[in-house]
Amino acid sequence: MFSNMTARNHPFREDSVTRNDKPRRTSVRVLIITVIIAAFSSGYLISDMNQSSDLIQSAQRTIRLELEAVQGLLPHINADFVRACEMILASKGRVVVVGMGKSGHIGNKIAATLASTGTTAFFVHPAEASHGDMGMITRDDIILALSNSGSTNEIVTLLPLIKRQGIQMISLTGNPESPLAKAAEVNLNVSVEHEACPLNLAPTSSTTAALVMGDALAVALLEARGFTAEDFAFSHPGGALGRRLLLKVENVMHAGTELPQVMCGTLLKDALMEMTRKGLGMTVVLSTDGKLAGIFTDGDLRRTLDRTIDIHSTTIDEVMTAHGKTARAEMLAAEALKIMEDHKINALVVVDSEDRPVGALNMHDLLRAGVM
């Protein structure tokens, strides 16, 4: 019976087995691939997490070590520090900062900080000093020399010449027994136990300590000189602070033929023509004796139009703001800005001591001048 069965209806023929198992095999393959991808992805994620953790730990360790280096400076703010300050305060010359490599970069910053806080200072590269730039340094100057080792060859080479010329020197070193420290009138100790670099090679903690000592020196001198915010502004005229503390109303106001002005009794339409010609969004109104009678602005115009007033028959006196807020030419522009902000107005008339208008300014003028 079985021998007579055809291949067509044989229950165990090969093509039937293959056809029934194909979906199952596909599912198994998909499952295996999914597991492999998940395993790899998990490995990558773990690797990324480990790397992130290592980076964070490294950064935190660096900050802790540099904080320790800065805290280690506190015992070194002593009589030597006071003497260094007194030398600079008594000097008739400048502070000339020298340093090589990373110490040179720190020295550049210290010189810039000193110069902007009331102590005339500049940086000289020690290698250039050996080739002519030593001529920039006078006997009245004080040299501030930076070297962590205290034995930087380019600086040590200059010591005989510095001594021969009788130039006073302050050193910032990490080795109080070094040639540079011993040659200086005063040594400021900026030694650190460890660099933040895990190899203890790259200047990290040591340069931070030197920078902080330089800042401490600059700020101590600043306070001793009674240096003010206005003094700071004079050395920063291009900065926002400089503009706020130095720029005066007279520097930004519109005066002369640029000042829109009409006399009392002028028709509103003519006052509007004057405002249009001058383009300040306002006009000054003068009394018969040339003093300030009032001001008329774009805001006043909008309020006037809401009242359906005829501009051809109404005089400026009827719609102006009498007197109004004023400024003086010698005032700081920042003070004028405060008046505008406090009273929520956009324009000010500038008057002299006799209440005669000499100029005008608006918010746009202060914005262009960088006061805002």
Protein backbone atom coordinates (compact mmCIF):
# COMPACT_ATOMS: atom_id res chain seq x y z
CA MET A 1 0.00 0.00 0.00
CA PHE A 2 2.71 2.37 1.03
CA SER A 3 4.81 1.37 -1.90
CA ASN A 4 2.06 2.45 -4.19
CA MET A 5 1.80 5.97 -2.73
CA THR A 6 2.89 8.68 -5.08
CA ALA A 7 5.36 11.39 -4.23
CA ARG A 8 2.52 13.91 -4.51
CA ASN A 9 0.64 12.65 -1.42
CA HIS A 10 3.60 11.30 0.63
CA PRO A 11 3.30 12.96 4.08
CA PHE A 12 7.05 13.07 4.71
CA ARG A 13 8.41 14.19 1.40
CA GLU A 14 11.35 16.62 1.61
CA ASP A 15 9.77 19.65 -0.05
CA SER A 16 6.94 19.57 2.49
CA VAL A 17 9.37 19.56 5.42
CA THR A 18 11.37 22.39 3.91
CA ARG A 19 8.26 24.47 3.27
CA ASN A 20 6.90 24.07 6.82
CA ASP A 21 10.24 24.82 8.57
CA LYS A 22 11.21 27.92 6.55
CA PRO A 23 9.28 30.49 8.69
CA ARG A 24 10.65 28.86 11.84
CA ARG A 25 14.24 29.04 10.57
CA THR A 26 13.78 32.70 9.60
CA SER A 27 12.51 33.52 13.08
CA VAL A 28 15.50 31.83 14.66
CA ARG A 29 17.91 33.74 12.44
CA VAL A 30 16.21 37.06 13.33
CA LEU A 31 16.39 36.18 17.03
CA ILE A 32 20.09 35.33 16.83
CA ILE A 33 20.92 38.54 14.93
CA THR A 34 18.89 40.59 17.44
CA VAL A 35 20.76 39.01 20.36
CA ILE A 36 24.13 39.68 18.69
CA ILE A 37 23.26 43.32 17.95
CA ALA A 38 22.01 43.81 21.50
CA ALA A 39 25.20 42.31 22.89
CA PHE A 40 27.39 44.54 20.78
CA SER A 41 25.28 47.60 21.55
CA SER A 42 25.42 46.85 25.24
CA GLY A 43 29.19 46.50 25.02
CA TYR A 44 29.53 49.81 23.25
CA LEU A 45 27.30 51.52 25.77
CA ILE A 46 29.29 50.09 28.65
CA SER A 47 32.48 51.19 26.95
CA ASP A 48 31.09 54.71 26.42
CA MET A 49 29.94 54.87 30.03
CA ASN A 50 33.33 53.76 31.25
CA GLN A 51 35.06 56.35 29.07
CA SER A 52 32.73 59.11 30.28
CA SER A 53 33.39 58.11 33.88
CA ASP A 54 37.15 58.17 33.30
CA LEU A 55 36.98 61.61 31.71
CA ILE A 56 34.93 63.02 34.58
CA GLN A 57 37.24 61.53 37.20
CA SER A 58 40.28 62.93 35.38
CA ALA A 59 38.79 66.42 35.22
CA GLN A 60 37.72 66.35 38.86
CA ARG A 61 41.16 65.13 39.94
CA THR A 62 42.77 67.98 38.00
CA ILE A 63 40.55 70.57 39.65
CA ARG A 64 41.19 69.13 43.13
CA LEU A 65 44.96 69.19 42.61
CA GLU A 66 44.89 72.75 41.31
CA LEU A 67 42.68 73.84 44.21
CA GLU A 68 45.23 72.32 46.59
CA ALA A 69 47.98 74.22 44.76
CA VAL A 70 46.11 77.51 45.19
CA GLN A 71 45.34 76.83 48.85
CA GLY A 72 49.02 76.05 49.34
CA LEU A 73 49.81 79.67 48.46
CA LEU A 74 48.15 81.07 51.58
CA PRO A 75 51.14 80.47 53.90
CA HIS A 76 53.36 82.23 51.33
CA ILE A 77 51.37 85.47 51.53
CA ASN A 78 53.74 86.81 54.15
CA ALA A 79 56.39 89.46 54.74
CA ASP A 80 57.97 88.67 51.36
CA PHE A 81 54.69 89.43 49.63
CA VAL A 82 54.38 92.72 51.53
CA ARG A 83 57.93 93.67 50.58
CA ALA A 84 57.26 92.93 46.91
CA CYS A 85 54.20 95.20 47.00
CA GLU A 86 56.13 97.96 48.74
CA MET A 87 58.93 97.75 46.16
CA ILE A 88 56.47 98.21 43.30
CA LEU A 89 54.56 101.00 45.04
CA ALA A 90 57.79 102.90 45.73
CA SER A 91 59.16 102.43 42.22
CA LYS A 92 59.29 105.33 39.76
CA GLY A 93 59.49 102.93 36.85
CA ARG A 94 57.51 100.07 35.38
CA VAL A 95 57.11 96.41 36.20
CA VAL A 96 58.81 94.36 33.49
CA VAL A 97 57.60 90.76 33.48
CA VAL A 98 59.79 88.00 32.02
CA GLY A 99 59.19 84.27 31.61
CA MET A 100 59.81 81.39 29.19
CA GLY A 101 57.39 78.82 27.83
CA LYS A 102 54.23 78.36 29.89
CA SER A 103 55.64 80.74 32.51
CA GLY A 104 55.93 83.29 29.72
CA HIS A 105 52.25 82.93 28.86
CA ILE A 106 51.34 83.36 32.53
CA GLY A 107 53.72 86.33 32.71
CA ASN A 108 51.99 87.96 29.74
CA LYS A 109 48.66 87.72 31.52
CA ILE A 110 50.08 89.06 34.80
CA ALA A 111 51.60 92.03 32.96
CA ALA A 112 48.26 92.75 31.29
CA THR A 113 46.40 92.55 34.62
CA LEU A 114 48.88 94.87 36.32
CA ALA A 115 48.68 97.37 33.46
CA SER A 116 44.88 97.47 33.52
CA THR A 117 44.69 97.91 37.30
CA GLY A 118 46.96 100.89 37.81
CA THR A 119 50.49 99.44 37.72
CA THR A 120 52.37 100.25 34.52
CA ALA A 121 53.71 96.94 33.28
CA PHE A 122 54.70 95.08 30.12
CA PHE A 123 56.15 91.71 29.13
CA VAL A 124 59.61 91.11 27.66
CA HIS A 125 60.61 87.71 26.28
CA PRO A 126 63.89 86.74 27.97
CA ALA A 127 65.39 85.35 24.76
CA GLU A 128 64.65 88.64 23.00
CA ALA A 129 66.08 90.51 25.98
CA SER A 130 69.42 88.82 25.27
CA HIS A 131 69.27 90.15 21.72
CA GLY A 132 68.51 93.82 22.24
CA ASP A 133 65.26 94.09 24.20
CA MET A 134 67.20 94.51 27.44
CA GLY A 135 67.48 98.11 26.29
CA MET A 136 63.76 98.51 27.01
CA ILE A 137 64.41 98.09 30.73
CA THR A 138 65.65 101.03 32.79
CA ARG A 139 67.26 101.26 36.21
CA ASP A 140 64.01 102.61 37.67
CA ASP A 141 62.06 99.53 36.59
CA ILE A 142 61.40 96.37 38.58
CA ILE A 143 61.73 92.97 36.94
CA LEU A 144 59.15 90.32 37.83
CA ALA A 145 60.70 87.01 36.73
CA LEU A 146 58.68 83.79 36.48
CA SER A 147 60.29 80.35 36.47
CA ASN A 148 58.95 77.27 38.25
CA SER A 149 62.39 75.69 38.45
CA GLY A 150 64.11 78.99 39.11
CA SER A 151 66.89 77.96 36.78
CA THR A 152 65.52 78.73 33.31
CA ASN A 153 68.65 79.29 31.25
CA GLU A 154 67.32 82.26 29.25
CA ILE A 155 66.53 84.12 32.48
CA VAL A 156 69.63 83.06 34.45
CA THR A 157 71.73 84.38 31.55
CA LEU A 158 70.29 87.86 32.19
CA LEU A 159 71.08 87.93 35.92
CA PRO A 160 74.62 89.38 35.69
CA LEU A 161 73.40 92.22 33.45
CA ILE A 162 70.42 92.90 35.72
CA LYS A 163 72.72 93.10 38.74
CA ARG A 164 75.27 95.26 36.93
CA GLN A 165 72.57 97.79 36.01
CA GLY A 166 71.22 97.82 39.56
CA ILE A 167 67.70 96.80 38.52
CA GLN A 168 65.57 95.43 41.35
CA MET A 169 63.97 92.03 40.82
CA ILE A 170 61.10 90.03 42.25
CA SER A 171 60.95 86.34 41.38
CA LEU A 172 58.04 83.89 41.30
CA THR A 173 59.57 80.43 41.58
CA GLY A 174 58.72 76.98 42.84
CA ASN A 175 62.23 76.55 44.27
CA PRO A 176 63.34 79.08 46.91
CA GLU A 177 66.90 77.73 46.70
CA SER A 178 67.21 78.25 42.95
CA PRO A 179 69.64 80.69 41.28
CA LEU A 180 66.78 83.02 40.31
CA ALA A 181 65.25 83.07 43.79
CA LYS A 182 68.62 83.82 45.40
CA ALA A 183 69.42 86.58 42.91
CA ALA A 184 66.11 88.40 43.50
CA GLU A 185 65.52 91.00 46.19
CA VAL A 186 62.29 89.15 46.99
CA ASN A 187 61.14 85.66 46.04
CA LEU A 188 57.44 84.81 46.03
CA ASN A 189 57.18 81.08 46.66
CA VAL A 190 54.72 79.40 44.28
CA SER A 191 55.86 75.81 44.80
CA VAL A 192 53.36 72.98 44.40
CA GLU A 193 53.52 69.36 45.53
CA HIS A 194 52.23 67.84 42.31
CA GLU A 195 51.32 68.89 38.82
CA ALA A 196 47.78 67.97 37.79
CA CYS A 197 49.35 66.14 34.86
CA PRO A 198 49.40 62.39 35.77
CA LEU A 199 52.97 62.25 34.49
CA ASN A 200 53.84 65.18 36.78
CA LEU A 201 55.44 66.83 33.76
CA ALA A 202 53.09 69.27 31.99
CA PRO A 203 52.93 72.65 33.80
CA THR A 204 49.40 72.69 35.23
CA SER A 205 49.18 73.20 38.99
CA SER A 206 52.39 75.25 38.93
CA THR A 207 51.15 77.67 36.26
CA THR A 208 47.82 78.05 38.07
CA ALA A 209 49.66 78.88 41.30
CA ALA A 210 51.82 81.46 39.51
CA LEU A 211 48.77 83.03 37.86
CA VAL A 212 46.90 83.30 41.15
CA MET A 213 49.93 84.81 42.89
CA GLY A 214 50.12 87.37 40.08
CA ASP A 215 46.44 88.20 40.53
CA ALA A 216 46.94 88.53 44.29
CA LEU A 217 49.81 90.94 43.68
CA ALA A 218 47.80 93.02 41.18
CA VAL A 219 44.73 93.28 43.42
CA ALA A 220 46.79 94.15 46.50
CA LEU A 221 48.46 96.96 44.53
CA LEU A 222 45.11 98.07 43.12
CA GLU A 223 43.67 98.49 46.60
CA ALA A 224 46.82 100.16 47.93
CA ARG A 225 46.63 102.75 45.13
CA GLY A 226 42.93 103.45 45.73
CA PHE A 227 42.20 102.41 42.14
CA THR A 228 38.56 103.11 41.20
CA ALA A 229 36.08 101.90 38.61
CA GLU A 230 36.61 105.18 36.74
CA ASP A 231 40.37 104.54 36.69
CA PHE A 232 39.67 101.06 35.32
CA ALA A 233 37.49 102.56 32.59
CA PHE A 234 40.36 104.76 31.37
CA SER A 235 42.40 101.65 30.61
CA HIS A 236 39.38 99.95 28.99
CA PRO A 237 37.87 102.67 26.77
CA GLY A 238 36.77 100.16 24.15
CA GLY A 239 34.90 97.93 26.59
CA ALA A 240 31.31 98.20 27.78
CA LEU A 241 32.44 99.37 31.21
CA GLY A 242 34.67 102.02 29.68
CA ARG A 243 31.81 103.38 27.58
CA ARG A 244 29.47 103.48 30.57
CA LEU A 245 32.00 105.26 32.79
CA LEU A 246 33.62 107.59 30.26
CA LEU A 247 31.10 108.48 27.57
CA LYS A 248 29.28 111.74 28.28
CA VAL A 249 26.02 113.11 26.95
CA GLU A 250 27.91 115.72 24.92
CA ASN A 251 29.66 112.88 23.07
CA VAL A 252 26.42 111.41 21.73
CA MET A 253 23.86 114.24 21.63
CA HIS A 254 22.64 116.02 18.50
CA ALA A 255 23.53 119.71 18.62
CA GLY A 256 23.64 122.78 16.39
CA THR A 257 21.78 122.37 13.12
CA GLU A 258 20.98 118.74 14.00
CA LEU A 259 18.80 119.85 16.93
CA PRO A 260 15.08 120.04 15.99
CA GLN A 261 13.55 123.15 17.54
CA VAL A 262 10.54 125.43 17.03
CA MET A 263 9.26 128.51 18.82
CA CYS A 264 6.12 128.66 20.94
CA GLY A 265 3.16 129.56 18.73
CA THR A 266 4.40 127.45 15.80
CA LEU A 267 1.61 125.56 14.04
CA LEU A 268 1.66 121.82 14.67
CA LYS A 269 2.03 121.08 10.96
CA ASP A 270 5.23 123.15 10.83
CA ALA A 271 6.56 121.46 13.96
CA LEU A 272 5.95 118.11 12.29
CA MET A 273 7.94 119.27 9.27
CA GLU A 274 10.86 120.16 11.57
CA MET A 275 10.67 116.73 13.20
CA THR A 276 10.68 115.07 9.78
CA ARG A 277 13.70 117.08 8.59
CA LYS A 278 15.81 116.30 11.67
CA GLY A 279 14.70 112.69 12.08
CA LEU A 280 14.95 112.41 15.87
CA GLY A 281 11.31 111.65 16.51
CA MET A 282 10.94 114.83 18.58
CA THR A 283 11.36 118.58 18.61
CA VAL A 284 12.33 121.07 21.28
CA VAL A 285 9.91 123.96 21.87
CA LEU A 286 11.55 127.28 22.79
CA SER A 287 10.09 130.21 24.70
CA THR A 288 10.61 133.76 23.44
CA ASP A 289 13.75 134.12 25.56
CA GLY A 290 15.29 130.99 24.05
CA LYS A 291 14.75 128.80 27.09
CA LEU A 292 13.10 125.38 27.13
CA ALA A 293 9.33 125.62 27.05
CA GLY A 294 8.58 122.01 26.28
CA ILE A 295 9.12 118.98 24.08
CA PHE A 296 6.96 117.27 21.48
CA THR A 297 7.64 113.65 20.54
CA ASP A 298 6.27 110.93 18.28
CA GLY A 299 4.32 109.67 21.30
CA ASP A 300 2.73 113.07 21.77
CA LEU A 301 1.81 113.05 18.09
CA ARG A 302 0.01 109.70 18.37
CA ARG A 303 -1.95 110.93 21.36
CA THR A 304 -2.77 114.15 19.48
CA LEU A 305 -4.12 112.27 16.46
CA ASP A 306 -6.30 110.16 18.75
CA ARG A 307 -7.95 113.41 19.80
CA THR A 308 -8.63 114.31 16.13
CA ILE A 309 -6.86 117.65 16.45
CA ASP A 310 -6.41 119.73 13.29
CA ILE A 311 -2.67 120.09 12.70
CA HIS A 312 -3.28 123.13 10.47
CA SER A 313 -4.85 125.25 13.18
CA THR A 314 -3.39 123.88 16.42
CA THR A 315 -0.20 125.41 17.82
CA ILE A 316 2.60 123.36 19.33
CA ASP A 317 2.00 124.98 22.75
CA GLU A 318 -1.37 123.25 23.03
CA VAL A 319 -0.07 119.70 22.60
CA MET A 320 3.54 119.75 23.81
CA THR A 321 4.78 118.30 27.10
CA ALA A 322 5.73 121.36 29.15
CA HIS A 323 9.39 121.46 30.16
CA GLY A 324 9.94 117.67 30.20
CA LYS A 325 12.90 115.71 31.51
CA THR A 326 16.32 117.13 30.74
CA ALA A 327 20.00 116.21 30.91
CA ARG A 328 23.23 118.18 31.10
CA ALA A 329 25.99 117.88 28.51
CA GLU A 330 28.60 116.99 31.13
CA MET A 331 26.53 114.10 32.52
CA LEU A 332 27.57 110.53 31.82
CA ALA A 333 25.57 108.99 29.00
CA ALA A 334 24.75 106.15 31.41
CA GLU A 335 23.05 108.68 33.71
CA ALA A 336 20.94 109.94 30.83
CA LEU A 337 19.96 106.35 30.08
CA LYS A 338 18.84 105.87 33.67
CA ILE A 339 16.64 108.98 33.47
CA MET A 340 14.97 107.59 30.34
CA GLU A 341 14.46 104.16 31.90
CA ASP A 342 13.15 105.53 35.19
CA HIS A 343 10.59 107.78 33.47
CA LYS A 344 9.84 105.42 30.55
CA ILE A 345 10.69 108.01 27.90
CA ASN A 346 12.69 107.71 24.69
CA ALA A 347 14.21 111.18 24.33
CA LEU A 348 15.88 113.85 26.43
CA VAL A 349 16.57 117.53 25.87
CA VAL A 350 20.06 118.64 26.90
CA VAL A 351 20.11 122.08 28.53
CA ASP A 352 22.81 124.40 29.86
CA SER A 353 22.94 126.07 33.27
CA GLU A 354 20.41 128.70 32.10
CA ASP A 355 17.92 126.09 30.87
CA ARG A 356 18.68 126.80 27.22
CA PRO A 357 18.52 123.74 24.95
CA VAL A 358 21.94 122.81 23.56
CA GLY A 359 21.19 119.34 22.28
CA ALA A 360 18.97 116.27 22.31
CA LEU A 361 19.42 112.51 22.35
CA ASN A 362 17.27 109.43 22.22
CA MET A 363 17.50 105.73 23.00
CA HIS A 364 18.84 104.95 19.54
CA ASP A 365 21.80 107.27 20.12
CA LEU A 366 22.69 105.47 23.35
CA LEU A 367 22.25 102.10 21.68
CA ARG A 368 24.60 103.06 18.83
CA ALA A 369 27.14 104.36 21.34
CA GLY A 370 27.13 101.01 23.14
CA VAL A 371 25.87 102.44 26.42
CA MET A 372 22.89 100.06 26.51
